[in-house]
Amino acid sequence: MNTFFKPLSSFTPAPAPAPMLPPWIDAPLNVMPWSVALNFTLVQTGDLTAWIGSARVYRDGLKFELLVAQRDPSARSAAAGTFFARDSFRLGVSLSDGRSSEQDHQVTSLDEQPRGVVLTQGAGSSSARFSRFDYWMWPLPPPGPVTFAFVWEEAGIRETLAQIDAAPLIEAAAQARELWPFVPGNNPGFSVGEPLRAFYRPASEPNDPDESAQ
């Protein structure tokens, strides 16, 4: 019987060792985090609102989402309209022990643990009126206040501060659960900047580039 869908091509996982990255680089691949609804506003004007939504808390850090909504996209300048430009808005965080950082903190070593806070912007999406960004924050905050700072000069938004208590994050970290032991080489997943096709390629395509030359 004829069907609309043709058989899928055969795919085989390519050898792709997933190294155990240090916790300040990104969230672990073998841990189920505990979600916490933060839902606090960073800034709100008549035309624009930015807020922190939910957080996925791990034992050593957390991923949280920054959301930006705009009432009238045509009203903003071309500079302010570039949500993904690194010179647009700026987000920072400070902990109760005095450590602080702003987004895209540059990690210079995989072997040497940073002394301060790491705040790295990850995946995101954007439309004319709404944008969403993920951030990885390391380490887990100590007890006390956690202060978030936000500024967007091109959009006419001066620096604003919002403060939350670290207690719900610390409690959530205790609920994070390891799914299985991490064994390098047996955990398919993304390395830094590695594309999807590195893990799933057609069976007819050689895994080793040198094989095609033989």
C-alpha atoms as a PDB file:
ATOM      1  CA  MET A   1       0.000   0.000   0.000  1.00  0.00           C
ATOM      2  CA  ASN A   2       1.331   3.412  -0.931  1.00  0.00           C
ATOM      3  CA  THR A   3       1.802   5.828   1.920  1.00  0.00           C
ATOM      4  CA  PHE A   4       2.536   9.519   2.039  1.00  0.00           C
ATOM      5  CA  PHE A   5       5.730   9.149   4.056  1.00  0.00           C
ATOM      6  CA  LYS A   6       8.812   7.536   2.555  1.00  0.00           C
ATOM      7  CA  PRO A   7      10.999   5.304   4.773  1.00  0.00           C
ATOM      8  CA  LEU A   8      13.465   7.280   6.852  1.00  0.00           C
ATOM      9  CA  SER A   9      17.150   6.986   6.077  1.00  0.00           C
ATOM     10  CA  SER A  10      19.138   4.788   8.383  1.00  0.00           C
ATOM     11  CA  PHE A  11      21.065   6.771  10.975  1.00  0.00           C
ATOM     12  CA  THR A  12      23.770   5.592  13.286  1.00  0.00           C
ATOM     13  CA  PRO A  13      25.170   7.526  16.230  1.00  0.00           C
ATOM     14  CA  ALA A  14      28.636   8.816  15.466  1.00  0.00           C
ATOM     15  CA  PRO A  15      31.353   8.353  18.061  1.00  0.00           C
ATOM     16  CA  ALA A  16      31.081  11.564  20.044  1.00  0.00           C
ATOM     17  CA  PRO A  17      32.618  11.471  23.497  1.00  0.00           C
ATOM     18  CA  ALA A  18      30.923  13.986  25.759  1.00  0.00           C
ATOM     19  CA  PRO A  19      33.593  15.322  28.093  1.00  0.00           C
ATOM     20  CA  MET A  20      32.685  16.118  31.668  1.00  0.00           C
ATOM     21  CA  LEU A  21      32.913  19.880  31.498  1.00  0.00           C
ATOM     22  CA  PRO A  22      33.665  21.775  34.708  1.00  0.00           C
ATOM     23  CA  PRO A  23      30.537  23.175  36.369  1.00  0.00           C
ATOM     24  CA  TRP A  24      31.371  26.793  35.608  1.00  0.00           C
ATOM     25  CA  ILE A  25      31.063  26.102  31.861  1.00  0.00           C
ATOM     26  CA  ASP A  26      27.521  24.743  31.682  1.00  0.00           C
ATOM     27  CA  ALA A  27      24.931  22.572  33.374  1.00  0.00           C
ATOM     28  CA  PRO A  28      25.746  18.850  33.688  1.00  0.00           C
ATOM     29  CA  LEU A  29      24.185  16.521  31.133  1.00  0.00           C
ATOM     30  CA  ASN A  30      23.399  13.754  33.608  1.00  0.00           C
ATOM     31  CA  VAL A  31      21.454  15.692  36.225  1.00  0.00           C
ATOM     32  CA  MET A  32      17.735  16.484  36.377  1.00  0.00           C
ATOM     33  CA  PRO A  33      17.378  20.003  37.815  1.00  0.00           C
ATOM     34  CA  TRP A  34      14.627  21.274  40.096  1.00  0.00           C
ATOM     35  CA  SER A  35      12.509  24.073  38.658  1.00  0.00           C
ATOM     36  CA  VAL A  36      11.669  27.230  40.585  1.00  0.00           C
ATOM     37  CA  ALA A  37       9.293  29.988  39.491  1.00  0.00           C
ATOM     38  CA  LEU A  38      11.059  33.295  40.167  1.00  0.00           C
ATOM     39  CA  ASN A  39       8.837  35.682  38.191  1.00  0.00           C
ATOM     40  CA  PHE A  40      10.204  39.046  39.278  1.00  0.00           C
ATOM     41  CA  THR A  41      10.366  42.228  37.223  1.00  0.00           C
ATOM     42  CA  LEU A  42      13.657  43.881  36.332  1.00  0.00           C
ATOM     43  CA  VAL A  43      12.182  46.917  34.604  1.00  0.00           C
ATOM     44  CA  GLN A  44       8.751  48.022  33.453  1.00  0.00           C
ATOM     45  CA  THR A  45       7.871  51.106  31.444  1.00  0.00           C
ATOM     46  CA  GLY A  46       4.871  52.013  29.344  1.00  0.00           C
ATOM     47  CA  ASP A  47       6.471  50.337  26.332  1.00  0.00           C
ATOM     48  CA  LEU A  48       8.846  47.651  27.583  1.00  0.00           C
ATOM     49  CA  THR A  49       9.039  45.069  30.368  1.00  0.00           C
ATOM     50  CA  ALA A  50      11.935  42.763  31.243  1.00  0.00           C
ATOM     51  CA  TRP A  51      11.632  40.053  33.863  1.00  0.00           C
ATOM     52  CA  ILE A  52      13.206  36.833  35.105  1.00  0.00           C
ATOM     53  CA  GLY A  53      10.903  33.844  34.647  1.00  0.00           C
ATOM     54  CA  SER A  54      11.693  30.331  35.812  1.00  0.00           C
ATOM     55  CA  ALA A  55      14.984  28.806  36.910  1.00  0.00           C
ATOM     56  CA  ARG A  56      16.258  25.237  36.584  1.00  0.00           C
ATOM     57  CA  VAL A  57      18.493  24.683  39.580  1.00  0.00           C
ATOM     58  CA  TYR A  58      21.391  22.232  39.663  1.00  0.00           C
ATOM     59  CA  ARG A  59      23.700  21.348  42.526  1.00  0.00           C
ATOM     60  CA  ASP A  60      26.388  23.779  41.396  1.00  0.00           C
ATOM     61  CA  GLY A  61      24.469  26.493  39.560  1.00  0.00           C
ATOM     62  CA  LEU A  62      21.273  27.418  37.783  1.00  0.00           C
ATOM     63  CA  LYS A  63      19.821  28.194  34.386  1.00  0.00           C
ATOM     64  CA  PHE A  64      17.268  30.983  34.323  1.00  0.00           C
ATOM     65  CA  GLU A  65      15.330  32.774  31.614  1.00  0.00           C
ATOM     66  CA  LEU A  66      15.256  36.475  30.857  1.00  0.00           C
ATOM     67  CA  LEU A  67      12.125  37.625  29.025  1.00  0.00           C
ATOM     68  CA  VAL A  68      11.648  40.956  27.270  1.00  0.00           C
ATOM     69  CA  ALA A  69       8.289  42.152  25.945  1.00  0.00           C
ATOM     70  CA  GLN A  70       7.694  45.336  23.966  1.00  0.00           C
ATOM     71  CA  ARG A  71       4.421  47.079  23.298  1.00  0.00           C
ATOM     72  CA  ASP A  72       5.297  48.894  20.071  1.00  0.00           C
ATOM     73  CA  PRO A  73       8.335  47.604  18.144  1.00  0.00           C
ATOM     74  CA  SER A  74       8.195  50.494  15.665  1.00  0.00           C
ATOM     75  CA  ALA A  75       8.856  52.991  18.447  1.00  0.00           C
ATOM     76  CA  ARG A  76      12.339  51.811  19.334  1.00  0.00           C
ATOM     77  CA  SER A  77      15.520  52.854  17.588  1.00  0.00           C
ATOM     78  CA  ALA A  78      17.446  50.553  15.294  1.00  0.00           C
ATOM     79  CA  ALA A  79      20.170  50.199  17.929  1.00  0.00           C
ATOM     80  CA  ALA A  80      17.752  49.273  20.688  1.00  0.00           C
ATOM     81  CA  GLY A  81      15.933  46.892  18.371  1.00  0.00           C
ATOM     82  CA  THR A  82      18.862  44.513  18.084  1.00  0.00           C
ATOM     83  CA  PHE A  83      18.076  42.208  20.994  1.00  0.00           C
ATOM     84  CA  PHE A  84      20.953  39.858  20.254  1.00  0.00           C
ATOM     85  CA  ALA A  85      23.606  42.558  19.840  1.00  0.00           C
ATOM     86  CA  ARG A  86      26.189  42.437  22.598  1.00  0.00           C
ATOM     87  CA  ASP A  87      26.038  46.218  22.937  1.00  0.00           C
ATOM     88  CA  SER A  88      22.273  46.287  23.556  1.00  0.00           C
ATOM     89  CA  PHE A  89      21.015  45.485  27.059  1.00  0.00           C
ATOM     90  CA  ARG A  90      23.315  44.390  29.873  1.00  0.00           C
ATOM     91  CA  LEU A  91      22.488  41.975  32.675  1.00  0.00           C
ATOM     92  CA  GLY A  92      24.509  41.461  35.833  1.00  0.00           C
ATOM     93  CA  VAL A  93      24.272  39.644  39.146  1.00  0.00           C
ATOM     94  CA  SER A  94      25.882  40.004  42.569  1.00  0.00           C
ATOM     95  CA  LEU A  95      25.873  37.628  45.534  1.00  0.00           C
ATOM     96  CA  SER A  96      25.734  38.218  49.270  1.00  0.00           C
ATOM     97  CA  ASP A  97      29.448  37.466  49.648  1.00  0.00           C
ATOM     98  CA  GLY A  98      30.431  40.325  47.338  1.00  0.00           C
ATOM     99  CA  ARG A  99      31.111  38.349  44.173  1.00  0.00           C
ATOM    100  CA  SER A 100      29.536  39.750  41.017  1.00  0.00           C
ATOM    101  CA  SER A 101      29.593  39.491  37.237  1.00  0.00           C
ATOM    102  CA  GLU A 102      27.745  40.591  34.142  1.00  0.00           C
ATOM    103  CA  GLN A 103      26.582  38.529  31.189  1.00  0.00           C
ATOM    104  CA  ASP A 104      29.114  36.804  28.955  1.00  0.00           C
ATOM    105  CA  HIS A 105      31.778  36.592  31.628  1.00  0.00           C
ATOM    106  CA  GLN A 106      34.806  35.275  29.784  1.00  0.00           C
ATOM    107  CA  VAL A 107      36.031  31.942  31.136  1.00  0.00           C
ATOM    108  CA  THR A 108      39.710  31.707  30.341  1.00  0.00           C
ATOM    109  CA  SER A 109      40.427  28.177  31.541  1.00  0.00           C
ATOM    110  CA  LEU A 110      38.700  24.800  31.773  1.00  0.00           C
ATOM    111  CA  ASP A 111      41.118  23.747  34.492  1.00  0.00           C
ATOM    112  CA  GLU A 112      41.298  26.792  36.764  1.00  0.00           C
ATOM    113  CA  GLN A 113      38.153  27.551  38.728  1.00  0.00           C
ATOM    114  CA  PRO A 114      37.074  31.200  38.394  1.00  0.00           C
ATOM    115  CA  ARG A 115      37.109  33.256  41.564  1.00  0.00           C
ATOM    116  CA  GLY A 116      33.999  35.246  40.753  1.00  0.00           C
ATOM    117  CA  VAL A 117      30.564  34.595  39.316  1.00  0.00           C
ATOM    118  CA  VAL A 118      30.131  33.200  35.806  1.00  0.00           C
ATOM    119  CA  LEU A 119      27.068  34.458  33.923  1.00  0.00           C
ATOM    120  CA  THR A 120      26.843  33.155  30.363  1.00  0.00           C
ATOM    121  CA  GLN A 121      24.106  33.847  27.837  1.00  0.00           C
ATOM    122  CA  GLY A 122      22.965  30.715  26.040  1.00  0.00           C
ATOM    123  CA  ALA A 123      20.147  29.947  23.645  1.00  0.00           C
ATOM    124  CA  GLY A 124      17.390  32.413  22.909  1.00  0.00           C
ATOM    125  CA  SER A 125      14.644  33.424  20.536  1.00  0.00           C
ATOM    126  CA  SER A 126      13.280  36.769  19.417  1.00  0.00           C
ATOM    127  CA  SER A 127      10.364  38.244  17.511  1.00  0.00           C
ATOM    128  CA  ALA A 128       9.252  41.832  16.930  1.00  0.00           C
ATOM    129  CA  ARG A 129       7.563  42.083  20.332  1.00  0.00           C
ATOM    130  CA  PHE A 130       8.985  39.332  22.518  1.00  0.00           C
ATOM    131  CA  SER A 131      12.408  37.866  23.273  1.00  0.00           C
ATOM    132  CA  ARG A 132      13.633  35.086  25.536  1.00  0.00           C
ATOM    133  CA  PHE A 133      17.178  34.266  26.638  1.00  0.00           C
ATOM    134  CA  ASP A 134      18.671  31.466  28.741  1.00  0.00           C
ATOM    135  CA  TYR A 135      21.536  32.125  31.156  1.00  0.00           C
ATOM    136  CA  TRP A 136      23.864  29.787  33.013  1.00  0.00           C
ATOM    137  CA  MET A 137      24.903  31.160  36.393  1.00  0.00           C
ATOM    138  CA  TRP A 138      27.664  29.609  38.475  1.00  0.00           C
ATOM    139  CA  PRO A 139      28.128  29.023  41.361  1.00  0.00           C
ATOM    140  CA  LEU A 140      24.959  28.399  43.319  1.00  0.00           C
ATOM    141  CA  PRO A 141      24.369  31.539  45.430  1.00  0.00           C
ATOM    142  CA  PRO A 142      25.216  31.409  49.150  1.00  0.00           C
ATOM    143  CA  PRO A 143      22.512  32.289  51.690  1.00  0.00           C
ATOM    144  CA  GLY A 144      21.369  35.883  51.549  1.00  0.00           C
ATOM    145  CA  PRO A 145      20.235  38.302  48.856  1.00  0.00           C
ATOM    146  CA  VAL A 146      20.916  37.851  45.139  1.00  0.00           C
ATOM    147  CA  THR A 147      20.849  41.134  43.221  1.00  0.00           C
ATOM    148  CA  PHE A 148      20.151  41.376  39.492  1.00  0.00           C
ATOM    149  CA  ALA A 149      21.115  44.506  37.565  1.00  0.00           C
ATOM    150  CA  PHE A 150      19.692  45.504  34.175  1.00  0.00           C
ATOM    151  CA  VAL A 151      20.440  48.449  31.884  1.00  0.00           C
ATOM    152  CA  TRP A 152      19.561  49.236  28.269  1.00  0.00           C
ATOM    153  CA  GLU A 153      20.822  52.683  27.376  1.00  0.00           C
ATOM    154  CA  GLU A 154      19.822  52.512  23.707  1.00  0.00           C
ATOM    155  CA  ALA A 155      16.214  51.913  24.783  1.00  0.00           C
ATOM    156  CA  GLY A 156      16.328  54.714  27.339  1.00  0.00           C
ATOM    157  CA  ILE A 157      16.396  52.375  30.346  1.00  0.00           C
ATOM    158  CA  ARG A 158      18.724  53.354  33.146  1.00  0.00           C
ATOM    159  CA  GLU A 159      20.306  50.832  35.492  1.00  0.00           C
ATOM    160  CA  THR A 160      17.745  49.099  37.689  1.00  0.00           C
ATOM    161  CA  LEU A 161      18.235  46.579  40.499  1.00  0.00           C
ATOM    162  CA  ALA A 162      16.017  43.713  41.642  1.00  0.00           C
ATOM    163  CA  GLN A 163      16.731  41.510  44.647  1.00  0.00           C
ATOM    164  CA  ILE A 164      15.593  38.032  45.624  1.00  0.00           C
ATOM    165  CA  ASP A 165      16.469  35.700  48.473  1.00  0.00           C
ATOM    166  CA  ALA A 166      18.732  32.739  47.683  1.00  0.00           C
ATOM    167  CA  ALA A 167      16.837  30.362  49.989  1.00  0.00           C
ATOM    168  CA  PRO A 168      14.459  28.915  47.325  1.00  0.00           C
ATOM    169  CA  LEU A 169      17.426  28.299  45.018  1.00  0.00           C
ATOM    170  CA  ILE A 170      19.431  26.533  47.723  1.00  0.00           C
ATOM    171  CA  GLU A 171      16.433  24.378  48.628  1.00  0.00           C
ATOM    172  CA  ALA A 172      15.874  23.508  44.960  1.00  0.00           C
ATOM    173  CA  ALA A 173      19.526  22.516  44.497  1.00  0.00           C
ATOM    174  CA  ALA A 174      19.069  19.854  47.166  1.00  0.00           C
ATOM    175  CA  GLN A 175      16.299  18.345  45.005  1.00  0.00           C
ATOM    176  CA  ALA A 176      18.434  18.074  41.841  1.00  0.00           C
ATOM    177  CA  ARG A 177      18.929  14.417  41.017  1.00  0.00           C
ATOM    178  CA  GLU A 178      21.731  12.602  39.223  1.00  0.00           C
ATOM    179  CA  LEU A 179      20.209  10.418  36.516  1.00  0.00           C
ATOM    180  CA  TRP A 180      23.211   8.186  35.914  1.00  0.00           C
ATOM    181  CA  PRO A 181      26.986   8.275  36.435  1.00  0.00           C
ATOM    182  CA  PHE A 182      28.758  10.322  33.818  1.00  0.00           C
ATOM    183  CA  VAL A 183      31.137   8.153  31.787  1.00  0.00           C
ATOM    184  CA  PRO A 184      33.086  10.056  29.104  1.00  0.00           C
ATOM    185  CA  GLY A 185      32.477   8.509  25.698  1.00  0.00           C
ATOM    186  CA  ASN A 186      29.152   6.899  26.625  1.00  0.00           C
ATOM    187  CA  ASN A 187      27.053  10.021  27.014  1.00  0.00           C
ATOM    188  CA  PRO A 188      25.910  11.485  23.678  1.00  0.00           C
ATOM    189  CA  GLY A 189      25.476  15.202  24.066  1.00  0.00           C
ATOM    190  CA  PHE A 190      26.763  18.516  22.882  1.00  0.00           C
ATOM    191  CA  SER A 191      30.286  19.623  23.372  1.00  0.00           C
ATOM    192  CA  VAL A 192      30.859  23.360  23.250  1.00  0.00           C
ATOM    193  CA  GLY A 193      29.796  24.585  19.811  1.00  0.00           C
ATOM    194  CA  GLU A 194      29.458  21.081  18.329  1.00  0.00           C
ATOM    195  CA  PRO A 195      26.731  20.782  15.660  1.00  0.00           C
ATOM    196  CA  LEU A 196      23.978  18.171  15.667  1.00  0.00           C
ATOM    197  CA  ARG A 197      25.301  16.309  12.629  1.00  0.00           C
ATOM    198  CA  ALA A 198      28.358  15.310  14.641  1.00  0.00           C
ATOM    199  CA  PHE A 199      26.128  12.937  16.591  1.00  0.00           C
ATOM    200  CA  TYR A 200      23.716  11.687  13.920  1.00  0.00           C
ATOM    201  CA  ARG A 201      24.811  11.255  10.335  1.00  0.00           C
ATOM    202  CA  PRO A 202      23.620   8.921   7.562  1.00  0.00           C
ATOM    203  CA  ALA A 203      25.035   5.408   7.839  1.00  0.00           C
ATOM    204  CA  SER A 204      26.503   5.778   4.356  1.00  0.00           C
ATOM    205  CA  GLU A 205      28.567   8.776   5.449  1.00  0.00           C
ATOM    206  CA  PRO A 206      31.984   7.851   6.875  1.00  0.00           C
ATOM    207  CA  ASN A 207      32.559   8.794  10.499  1.00  0.00           C
ATOM    208  CA  ASP A 208      36.223   9.435   9.875  1.00  0.00           C
ATOM    209  CA  PRO A 209      36.967  12.094   7.226  1.00  0.00           C
ATOM    210  CA  ASP A 210      40.098  10.181   6.250  1.00  0.00           C
ATOM    211  CA  GLU A 211      37.998   7.171   5.251  1.00  0.00           C
ATOM    212  CA  SER A 212      36.578   9.032   2.253  1.00  0.00           C
ATOM    213  CA  ALA A 213      40.059   9.446   0.855  1.00  0.00           C
ATOM    214  CA  GLN A 214      40.813   5.715   0.937  1.00  0.00           C
END
